[in-house]
Amino acid sequence: MIKVYGIPTCSTVRTARGFFKDNEIEVEFIDFKKTTVGCEKVDKWLKDIEISLLFNNRGKKYRDLKLKDLNLDDEGKREWLCQENMLFKRPIVEFDGKTIVGFDEEKYKELFIKEQN
């Protein structure tokens, strides 16, 4: 089962979910506003993804928390991700033991459409 993590109001998450729906690919959606992922999941994702791709340093929550002022290293970013879901870049998609971040239509077609044929 493909899992899509994000928030329903995020335009990139909506685009990714639309891609799956349009291509009749069933996914499980995990809403970051309702489900906290915690350190165990963060550490799992960090095995597949660099922290710079996972940590959103351009979002509202990052600015609201004034995290730029803290000049966080990778461990500091990891600690914040463990406690604040709104700091993740979105969507995060888990499938076949892999994890990807963001939406790239060509990459999604390559990864998910061929699996359906």
C-alpha atoms as a PDB file:
ATOM      1  CA  MET A   1       0.000   0.000   0.000  1.00  0.00           C
ATOM      2  CA  ILE A   2       1.269   3.443  -0.926  1.00  0.00           C
ATOM      3  CA  LYS A   3       1.141   5.916   1.964  1.00  0.00           C
ATOM      4  CA  VAL A   4       0.977   9.655   1.363  1.00  0.00           C
ATOM      5  CA  TYR A   5       1.811  11.949   4.284  1.00  0.00           C
ATOM      6  CA  GLY A   6       0.894  15.621   4.242  1.00  0.00           C
ATOM      7  CA  ILE A   7      -1.869  18.090   4.960  1.00  0.00           C
ATOM      8  CA  PRO A   8      -5.013  18.338   2.831  1.00  0.00           C
ATOM      9  CA  THR A   9      -4.683  22.108   2.317  1.00  0.00           C
ATOM     10  CA  CYS A  10      -1.152  21.932   0.848  1.00  0.00           C
ATOM     11  CA  SER A  11      -1.284  22.495  -2.914  1.00  0.00           C
ATOM     12  CA  THR A  12       1.537  20.034  -3.615  1.00  0.00           C
ATOM     13  CA  VAL A  13      -0.166  17.353  -1.524  1.00  0.00           C
ATOM     14  CA  ARG A  14      -3.440  17.994  -3.386  1.00  0.00           C
ATOM     15  CA  THR A  15      -1.614  17.644  -6.711  1.00  0.00           C
ATOM     16  CA  ALA A  16       0.009  14.364  -5.645  1.00  0.00           C
ATOM     17  CA  ARG A  17      -3.272  12.964  -4.333  1.00  0.00           C
ATOM     18  CA  GLY A  18      -4.954  14.047  -7.568  1.00  0.00           C
ATOM     19  CA  PHE A  19      -2.301  12.176  -9.558  1.00  0.00           C
ATOM     20  CA  PHE A  20      -3.023   8.975  -7.665  1.00  0.00           C
ATOM     21  CA  LYS A  21      -6.783   9.423  -7.971  1.00  0.00           C
ATOM     22  CA  ASP A  22      -6.618  10.233 -11.703  1.00  0.00           C
ATOM     23  CA  ASN A  23      -4.531   7.111 -12.276  1.00  0.00           C
ATOM     24  CA  GLU A  24      -6.801   4.967 -10.094  1.00  0.00           C
ATOM     25  CA  ILE A  25      -3.996   4.138  -7.679  1.00  0.00           C
ATOM     26  CA  GLU A  26      -5.208   3.464  -4.170  1.00  0.00           C
ATOM     27  CA  VAL A  27      -3.280   5.230  -1.417  1.00  0.00           C
ATOM     28  CA  GLU A  28      -3.582   5.667   2.314  1.00  0.00           C
ATOM     29  CA  PHE A  29      -3.473   9.349   3.295  1.00  0.00           C
ATOM     30  CA  ILE A  30      -1.949  10.295   6.647  1.00  0.00           C
ATOM     31  CA  ASP A  31      -2.822  13.840   7.714  1.00  0.00           C
ATOM     32  CA  PHE A  32       0.063  15.509   9.559  1.00  0.00           C
ATOM     33  CA  LYS A  33      -2.447  17.662  11.441  1.00  0.00           C
ATOM     34  CA  LYS A  34      -4.121  14.583  12.928  1.00  0.00           C
ATOM     35  CA  THR A  35      -1.247  12.086  13.214  1.00  0.00           C
ATOM     36  CA  THR A  36       2.178  12.815  14.697  1.00  0.00           C
ATOM     37  CA  VAL A  37       4.841  10.653  13.115  1.00  0.00           C
ATOM     38  CA  GLY A  38       7.513  10.817  15.838  1.00  0.00           C
ATOM     39  CA  CYS A  39      11.232  10.051  15.889  1.00  0.00           C
ATOM     40  CA  GLU A  40      10.988   6.409  14.836  1.00  0.00           C
ATOM     41  CA  LYS A  41       9.390   7.384  11.507  1.00  0.00           C
ATOM     42  CA  VAL A  42      11.739  10.361  11.066  1.00  0.00           C
ATOM     43  CA  ASP A  43      14.756   8.077  11.522  1.00  0.00           C
ATOM     44  CA  LYS A  44      13.317   5.575   9.038  1.00  0.00           C
ATOM     45  CA  TRP A  45      12.845   8.319   6.449  1.00  0.00           C
ATOM     46  CA  LEU A  46      16.331   9.682   7.071  1.00  0.00           C
ATOM     47  CA  LYS A  47      17.746   6.343   5.921  1.00  0.00           C
ATOM     48  CA  ASP A  48      16.311   7.074   2.446  1.00  0.00           C
ATOM     49  CA  ILE A  49      16.292  10.875   2.333  1.00  0.00           C
ATOM     50  CA  GLU A  50      18.786  13.581   3.203  1.00  0.00           C
ATOM     51  CA  ILE A  51      17.609  15.880   5.965  1.00  0.00           C
ATOM     52  CA  SER A  52      17.854  18.841   3.582  1.00  0.00           C
ATOM     53  CA  LEU A  53      15.138  17.251   1.417  1.00  0.00           C
ATOM     54  CA  LEU A  54      12.919  16.387   4.382  1.00  0.00           C
ATOM     55  CA  PHE A  55      13.187  19.577   6.453  1.00  0.00           C
ATOM     56  CA  ASN A  56      11.146  22.539   5.222  1.00  0.00           C
ATOM     57  CA  ASN A  57      13.059  25.699   6.019  1.00  0.00           C
ATOM     58  CA  ARG A  58      10.824  27.870   3.843  1.00  0.00           C
ATOM     59  CA  GLY A  59       7.456  27.268   5.457  1.00  0.00           C
ATOM     60  CA  LYS A  60       5.306  29.287   7.818  1.00  0.00           C
ATOM     61  CA  LYS A  61       5.978  27.052  10.831  1.00  0.00           C
ATOM     62  CA  TYR A  62       9.748  27.443  10.343  1.00  0.00           C
ATOM     63  CA  ARG A  63       9.336  31.216  10.317  1.00  0.00           C
ATOM     64  CA  ASP A  64       6.858  31.266  13.214  1.00  0.00           C
ATOM     65  CA  LEU A  65       9.233  29.232  15.391  1.00  0.00           C
ATOM     66  CA  LYS A  66      12.134  31.510  14.368  1.00  0.00           C
ATOM     67  CA  LEU A  67      14.267  28.448  13.671  1.00  0.00           C
ATOM     68  CA  LYS A  68      16.560  30.354  11.325  1.00  0.00           C
ATOM     69  CA  ASP A  69      17.882  32.186  14.381  1.00  0.00           C
ATOM     70  CA  LEU A  70      18.931  28.844  15.920  1.00  0.00           C
ATOM     71  CA  ASN A  71      21.202  27.949  12.985  1.00  0.00           C
ATOM     72  CA  LEU A  72      20.257  24.269  13.344  1.00  0.00           C
ATOM     73  CA  ASP A  73      22.630  21.476  12.409  1.00  0.00           C
ATOM     74  CA  ASP A  74      21.283  18.179  11.041  1.00  0.00           C
ATOM     75  CA  GLU A  75      20.696  16.730  14.524  1.00  0.00           C
ATOM     76  CA  GLY A  76      18.829  19.870  15.571  1.00  0.00           C
ATOM     77  CA  LYS A  77      16.644  19.629  12.465  1.00  0.00           C
ATOM     78  CA  ARG A  78      15.957  15.961  13.221  1.00  0.00           C
ATOM     79  CA  GLU A  79      14.903  16.825  16.773  1.00  0.00           C
ATOM     80  CA  TRP A  80      12.474  19.470  15.486  1.00  0.00           C
ATOM     81  CA  LEU A  81      11.041  17.056  12.906  1.00  0.00           C
ATOM     82  CA  CYS A  82      10.394  14.550  15.703  1.00  0.00           C
ATOM     83  CA  GLN A  83       8.153  17.025  17.457  1.00  0.00           C
ATOM     84  CA  GLU A  84       6.661  19.243  14.738  1.00  0.00           C
ATOM     85  CA  ASN A  85       4.994  17.689  11.657  1.00  0.00           C
ATOM     86  CA  MET A  86       4.544  21.048   9.955  1.00  0.00           C
ATOM     87  CA  LEU A  87       8.314  21.228   9.379  1.00  0.00           C
ATOM     88  CA  PHE A  88       8.273  18.402   6.827  1.00  0.00           C
ATOM     89  CA  LYS A  89       8.410  19.118   3.126  1.00  0.00           C
ATOM     90  CA  ARG A  90       5.325  17.586   1.559  1.00  0.00           C
ATOM     91  CA  PRO A  91       4.097  15.201   0.437  1.00  0.00           C
ATOM     92  CA  ILE A  92       6.117  12.300   1.760  1.00  0.00           C
ATOM     93  CA  VAL A  93       5.286   9.085  -0.089  1.00  0.00           C
ATOM     94  CA  GLU A  94       6.168   5.614   1.185  1.00  0.00           C
ATOM     95  CA  PHE A  95       6.022   2.619  -1.166  1.00  0.00           C
ATOM     96  CA  ASP A  96       7.845  -0.693  -1.543  1.00  0.00           C
ATOM     97  CA  GLY A  97      10.174   0.136   1.349  1.00  0.00           C
ATOM     98  CA  LYS A  98      11.188   3.435  -0.293  1.00  0.00           C
ATOM     99  CA  THR A  99      10.424   7.045   0.521  1.00  0.00           C
ATOM    100  CA  ILE A 100      10.241  10.112  -1.707  1.00  0.00           C
ATOM    101  CA  VAL A 101       9.452  13.746  -0.946  1.00  0.00           C
ATOM    102  CA  GLY A 102       7.571  16.268  -3.050  1.00  0.00           C
ATOM    103  CA  PHE A 103       5.722  15.923  -6.325  1.00  0.00           C
ATOM    104  CA  ASP A 104       7.356  15.463  -9.711  1.00  0.00           C
ATOM    105  CA  GLU A 105       4.842  14.228 -12.265  1.00  0.00           C
ATOM    106  CA  GLU A 106       7.416  12.485 -14.462  1.00  0.00           C
ATOM    107  CA  LYS A 107       8.983  10.724 -11.505  1.00  0.00           C
ATOM    108  CA  TYR A 108       5.551   9.674 -10.229  1.00  0.00           C
ATOM    109  CA  LYS A 109       4.647   8.283 -13.662  1.00  0.00           C
ATOM    110  CA  GLU A 110       7.912   6.356 -13.771  1.00  0.00           C
ATOM    111  CA  LEU A 111       7.511   4.975 -10.249  1.00  0.00           C
ATOM    112  CA  PHE A 112       3.781   4.348 -10.007  1.00  0.00           C
ATOM    113  CA  ILE A 113       2.245   3.955 -13.462  1.00  0.00           C
ATOM    114  CA  LYS A 114       4.530   1.134 -14.571  1.00  0.00           C
ATOM    115  CA  GLU A 115       3.648  -0.772 -11.403  1.00  0.00           C
ATOM    116  CA  GLN A 116       0.004  -0.762 -12.415  1.00  0.00           C
ATOM    117  CA  ASN A 117       0.601  -2.300 -15.857  1.00  0.00           C
END
